[in-house]
Amino acid sequence: RPLRRASISAPPADISARRRGLALLAMANDLRDKGIEIANDAVRDDNAGNYEDAINKYCKAAEYLMTATKYEKNPVTLKTIREKSLEYVQRAEALKQGLAGKGAGGKKAGGGGGSKEEEEESEDDDDSDAAPSESESESES
């Protein structure tokens, strides 16, 4: 009776797809974990007053997290990653604006052109000269 040779072939398609899925999940986790690690460093630098380092780290953390979104399949995790990325980018922008304002002798950078939000705040400050509202005048009586 002749010996049967074991055939060596590629693994079934479902196993290969599963391995790819696990590899992508591992990649998403690695990228997310690295982004979180960098973000934690950014927060430490931010709290210590090392704003330039914090800005760079917030941006780098956001990059890692946004790259992780390409491989993340869980919609809840995906939403959280996107929100955190946005939060880090916004904090980096706020720090950049603060440093730019500090470098110009405390004045707003860019020729004094503040944001719409800053303009609204300054308008609210002017309300102190206005007549009190009905509820305020009643409480004074």
C-alpha atoms as a PDB file:
ATOM      1  CA  ARG A   1       0.000   0.000   0.000  1.00  0.00           C
ATOM      2  CA  PRO A   2       1.513   3.385  -1.017  1.00  0.00           C
ATOM      3  CA  LEU A   3       2.137   6.061   1.628  1.00  0.00           C
ATOM      4  CA  ARG A   4      -0.068   9.114   1.445  1.00  0.00           C
ATOM      5  CA  ARG A   5       1.694  12.377   1.417  1.00  0.00           C
ATOM      6  CA  ALA A   6       0.345  15.070   3.598  1.00  0.00           C
ATOM      7  CA  SER A   7      -0.570  17.985   1.486  1.00  0.00           C
ATOM      8  CA  ILE A   8       0.616  21.354   2.650  1.00  0.00           C
ATOM      9  CA  SER A   9      -1.739  24.041   1.593  1.00  0.00           C
ATOM     10  CA  ALA A  10      -2.816  27.463   2.659  1.00  0.00           C
ATOM     11  CA  PRO A  11      -5.059  27.638   5.708  1.00  0.00           C
ATOM     12  CA  PRO A  12      -8.770  27.851   5.013  1.00  0.00           C
ATOM     13  CA  ALA A  13     -10.024  31.315   4.126  1.00  0.00           C
ATOM     14  CA  ASP A  14     -11.989  31.761   7.356  1.00  0.00           C
ATOM     15  CA  ILE A  15      -8.846  31.160   9.445  1.00  0.00           C
ATOM     16  CA  SER A  16      -6.824  33.634   7.364  1.00  0.00           C
ATOM     17  CA  ALA A  17      -9.525  36.264   7.665  1.00  0.00           C
ATOM     18  CA  ARG A  18      -9.687  35.679  11.394  1.00  0.00           C
ATOM     19  CA  ARG A  19      -5.922  36.081  11.721  1.00  0.00           C
ATOM     20  CA  ARG A  20      -6.036  39.305   9.738  1.00  0.00           C
ATOM     21  CA  GLY A  21      -8.845  40.565  11.949  1.00  0.00           C
ATOM     22  CA  LEU A  22      -6.879  39.743  15.081  1.00  0.00           C
ATOM     23  CA  ALA A  23      -3.797  41.417  13.664  1.00  0.00           C
ATOM     24  CA  LEU A  24      -5.775  44.567  12.870  1.00  0.00           C
ATOM     25  CA  LEU A  25      -7.316  44.555  16.324  1.00  0.00           C
ATOM     26  CA  ALA A  26      -3.866  44.235  17.877  1.00  0.00           C
ATOM     27  CA  MET A  27      -2.634  47.108  15.726  1.00  0.00           C
ATOM     28  CA  ALA A  28      -5.585  49.286  16.763  1.00  0.00           C
ATOM     29  CA  ASN A  29      -4.907  48.466  20.415  1.00  0.00           C
ATOM     30  CA  ASP A  30      -1.190  49.221  20.079  1.00  0.00           C
ATOM     31  CA  LEU A  31      -1.834  52.549  18.364  1.00  0.00           C
ATOM     32  CA  ARG A  32      -4.522  53.480  20.889  1.00  0.00           C
ATOM     33  CA  ASP A  33      -2.317  52.550  23.847  1.00  0.00           C
ATOM     34  CA  LYS A  34       0.629  54.524  22.452  1.00  0.00           C
ATOM     35  CA  GLY A  35      -1.652  57.524  21.852  1.00  0.00           C
ATOM     36  CA  ILE A  36      -2.939  57.346  25.427  1.00  0.00           C
ATOM     37  CA  GLU A  37       0.612  57.099  26.766  1.00  0.00           C
ATOM     38  CA  ILE A  38       1.681  60.184  24.807  1.00  0.00           C
ATOM     39  CA  ALA A  39      -1.474  62.051  25.865  1.00  0.00           C
ATOM     40  CA  ASN A  40      -0.710  61.319  29.520  1.00  0.00           C
ATOM     41  CA  ASP A  41       2.776  62.769  29.003  1.00  0.00           C
ATOM     42  CA  ALA A  42       1.207  65.812  27.344  1.00  0.00           C
ATOM     43  CA  VAL A  43      -1.077  66.382  30.327  1.00  0.00           C
ATOM     44  CA  ARG A  44       1.916  66.137  32.703  1.00  0.00           C
ATOM     45  CA  ASP A  45       3.826  68.692  30.611  1.00  0.00           C
ATOM     46  CA  ASP A  46       0.736  70.907  30.410  1.00  0.00           C
ATOM     47  CA  ASN A  47       0.292  70.862  34.200  1.00  0.00           C
ATOM     48  CA  ALA A  48       4.017  71.510  34.716  1.00  0.00           C
ATOM     49  CA  GLY A  49       3.891  74.570  32.443  1.00  0.00           C
ATOM     50  CA  ASN A  50       5.971  72.984  29.653  1.00  0.00           C
ATOM     51  CA  TYR A  51       3.517  74.174  27.038  1.00  0.00           C
ATOM     52  CA  GLU A  52       5.617  73.709  23.902  1.00  0.00           C
ATOM     53  CA  ASP A  53       6.310  70.079  24.804  1.00  0.00           C
ATOM     54  CA  ALA A  54       2.641  69.608  25.687  1.00  0.00           C
ATOM     55  CA  ILE A  55       1.528  70.995  22.314  1.00  0.00           C
ATOM     56  CA  ASN A  56       3.793  68.578  20.430  1.00  0.00           C
ATOM     57  CA  LYS A  57       2.641  65.631  22.520  1.00  0.00           C
ATOM     58  CA  TYR A  58      -1.070  66.480  22.248  1.00  0.00           C
ATOM     59  CA  CYS A  59      -0.705  66.599  18.450  1.00  0.00           C
ATOM     60  CA  LYS A  60       1.275  63.350  18.344  1.00  0.00           C
ATOM     61  CA  ALA A  61      -1.290  61.632  20.602  1.00  0.00           C
ATOM     62  CA  ALA A  62      -4.106  62.764  18.302  1.00  0.00           C
ATOM     63  CA  GLU A  63      -2.206  61.382  15.292  1.00  0.00           C
ATOM     64  CA  TYR A  64      -1.807  57.976  16.929  1.00  0.00           C
ATOM     65  CA  LEU A  65      -5.447  57.871  17.970  1.00  0.00           C
ATOM     66  CA  MET A  66      -6.730  58.898  14.542  1.00  0.00           C
ATOM     67  CA  THR A  67      -4.571  56.211  12.947  1.00  0.00           C
ATOM     68  CA  ALA A  68      -6.074  53.701  15.397  1.00  0.00           C
ATOM     69  CA  THR A  69      -9.556  54.610  14.116  1.00  0.00           C
ATOM     70  CA  LYS A  70      -8.648  53.059  10.750  1.00  0.00           C
ATOM     71  CA  TYR A  71      -8.388  49.643  12.407  1.00  0.00           C
ATOM     72  CA  GLU A  72     -10.920  49.914  15.242  1.00  0.00           C
ATOM     73  CA  LYS A  73     -14.186  48.030  14.718  1.00  0.00           C
ATOM     74  CA  ASN A  74     -16.043  48.748  17.980  1.00  0.00           C
ATOM     75  CA  PRO A  75     -18.317  51.774  17.356  1.00  0.00           C
ATOM     76  CA  VAL A  76     -18.282  52.895  21.001  1.00  0.00           C
ATOM     77  CA  THR A  77     -14.485  52.783  21.169  1.00  0.00           C
ATOM     78  CA  LEU A  78     -14.298  54.483  17.782  1.00  0.00           C
ATOM     79  CA  LYS A  79     -16.473  57.359  18.999  1.00  0.00           C
ATOM     80  CA  THR A  80     -14.416  57.754  22.173  1.00  0.00           C
ATOM     81  CA  ILE A  81     -11.143  57.774  20.238  1.00  0.00           C
ATOM     82  CA  ARG A  82     -12.437  60.451  17.861  1.00  0.00           C
ATOM     83  CA  GLU A  83     -13.700  62.609  20.750  1.00  0.00           C
ATOM     84  CA  LYS A  84     -10.382  62.342  22.594  1.00  0.00           C
ATOM     85  CA  SER A  85      -8.440  63.170  19.425  1.00  0.00           C
ATOM     86  CA  LEU A  86     -10.520  66.292  18.943  1.00  0.00           C
ATOM     87  CA  GLU A  87     -10.076  67.232  22.594  1.00  0.00           C
ATOM     88  CA  TYR A  88      -6.277  66.920  22.304  1.00  0.00           C
ATOM     89  CA  VAL A  89      -6.130  68.974  19.110  1.00  0.00           C
ATOM     90  CA  GLN A  90      -8.298  71.681  20.677  1.00  0.00           C
ATOM     91  CA  ARG A  91      -6.091  71.796  23.772  1.00  0.00           C
ATOM     92  CA  ALA A  92      -2.980  72.077  21.588  1.00  0.00           C
ATOM     93  CA  GLU A  93      -4.588  74.959  19.686  1.00  0.00           C
ATOM     94  CA  ALA A  94      -5.528  76.714  22.940  1.00  0.00           C
ATOM     95  CA  LEU A  95      -1.961  76.385  24.193  1.00  0.00           C
ATOM     96  CA  LYS A  96      -0.585  77.693  20.886  1.00  0.00           C
ATOM     97  CA  GLN A  97      -2.845  80.729  21.125  1.00  0.00           C
ATOM     98  CA  GLY A  98      -1.788  81.283  24.714  1.00  0.00           C
ATOM     99  CA  LEU A  99       1.889  81.136  23.807  1.00  0.00           C
ATOM    100  CA  ALA A 100       1.358  83.450  20.839  1.00  0.00           C
ATOM    101  CA  GLY A 101      -0.427  85.945  23.089  1.00  0.00           C
ATOM    102  CA  LYS A 102       2.314  85.700  25.702  1.00  0.00           C
ATOM    103  CA  GLY A 103       5.028  86.343  23.117  1.00  0.00           C
ATOM    104  CA  ALA A 104       3.352  89.561  21.954  1.00  0.00           C
ATOM    105  CA  GLY A 105       3.546  91.228  25.344  1.00  0.00           C
ATOM    106  CA  GLY A 106       0.224  89.873  26.560  1.00  0.00           C
ATOM    107  CA  LYS A 107      -1.727  91.204  23.578  1.00  0.00           C
ATOM    108  CA  LYS A 108      -3.598  89.057  21.117  1.00  0.00           C
ATOM    109  CA  ALA A 109      -1.461  87.729  18.311  1.00  0.00           C
ATOM    110  CA  GLY A 110      -2.270  88.519  14.706  1.00  0.00           C
ATOM    111  CA  GLY A 111      -2.917  92.239  14.920  1.00  0.00           C
ATOM    112  CA  GLY A 112      -5.528  92.058  17.649  1.00  0.00           C
ATOM    113  CA  GLY A 113      -8.020  89.992  15.659  1.00  0.00           C
ATOM    114  CA  GLY A 114      -9.592  87.899  18.390  1.00  0.00           C
ATOM    115  CA  SER A 115     -11.972  85.032  17.944  1.00  0.00           C
ATOM    116  CA  LYS A 116     -15.733  85.431  17.796  1.00  0.00           C
ATOM    117  CA  GLU A 117     -15.998  83.914  21.260  1.00  0.00           C
ATOM    118  CA  GLU A 118     -13.578  86.501  22.684  1.00  0.00           C
ATOM    119  CA  GLU A 119     -15.576  89.291  21.037  1.00  0.00           C
ATOM    120  CA  GLU A 120     -18.802  87.984  22.589  1.00  0.00           C
ATOM    121  CA  GLU A 121     -17.150  87.829  26.017  1.00  0.00           C
ATOM    122  CA  SER A 122     -15.984  91.425  25.744  1.00  0.00           C
ATOM    123  CA  GLU A 123     -19.501  92.473  24.745  1.00  0.00           C
ATOM    124  CA  ASP A 124     -20.850  90.690  27.818  1.00  0.00           C
ATOM    125  CA  ASP A 125     -18.449  92.691  29.976  1.00  0.00           C
ATOM    126  CA  ASP A 126     -20.045  95.890  28.703  1.00  0.00           C
ATOM    127  CA  ASP A 127     -23.429  94.758  30.037  1.00  0.00           C
ATOM    128  CA  SER A 128     -22.450  95.894  33.537  1.00  0.00           C
ATOM    129  CA  ASP A 129     -23.166  99.485  32.469  1.00  0.00           C
ATOM    130  CA  ALA A 130     -26.622  98.585  31.181  1.00  0.00           C
ATOM    131  CA  ALA A 131     -29.792  98.952  33.236  1.00  0.00           C
ATOM    132  CA  PRO A 132     -30.590  95.954  35.440  1.00  0.00           C
ATOM    133  CA  SER A 133     -33.135  93.479  34.148  1.00  0.00           C
ATOM    134  CA  GLU A 134     -36.597  93.287  35.681  1.00  0.00           C
ATOM    135  CA  SER A 135     -35.656  90.352  37.911  1.00  0.00           C
ATOM    136  CA  GLU A 136     -32.573  92.194  39.193  1.00  0.00           C
ATOM    137  CA  SER A 137     -34.467  95.401  39.937  1.00  0.00           C
ATOM    138  CA  GLU A 138     -37.182  93.446  41.808  1.00  0.00           C
ATOM    139  CA  SER A 139     -34.641  91.691  43.986  1.00  0.00           C
ATOM    140  CA  GLU A 140     -33.027  95.046  44.908  1.00  0.00           C
ATOM    141  CA  SER A 141     -36.327  96.486  46.228  1.00  0.00           C
END
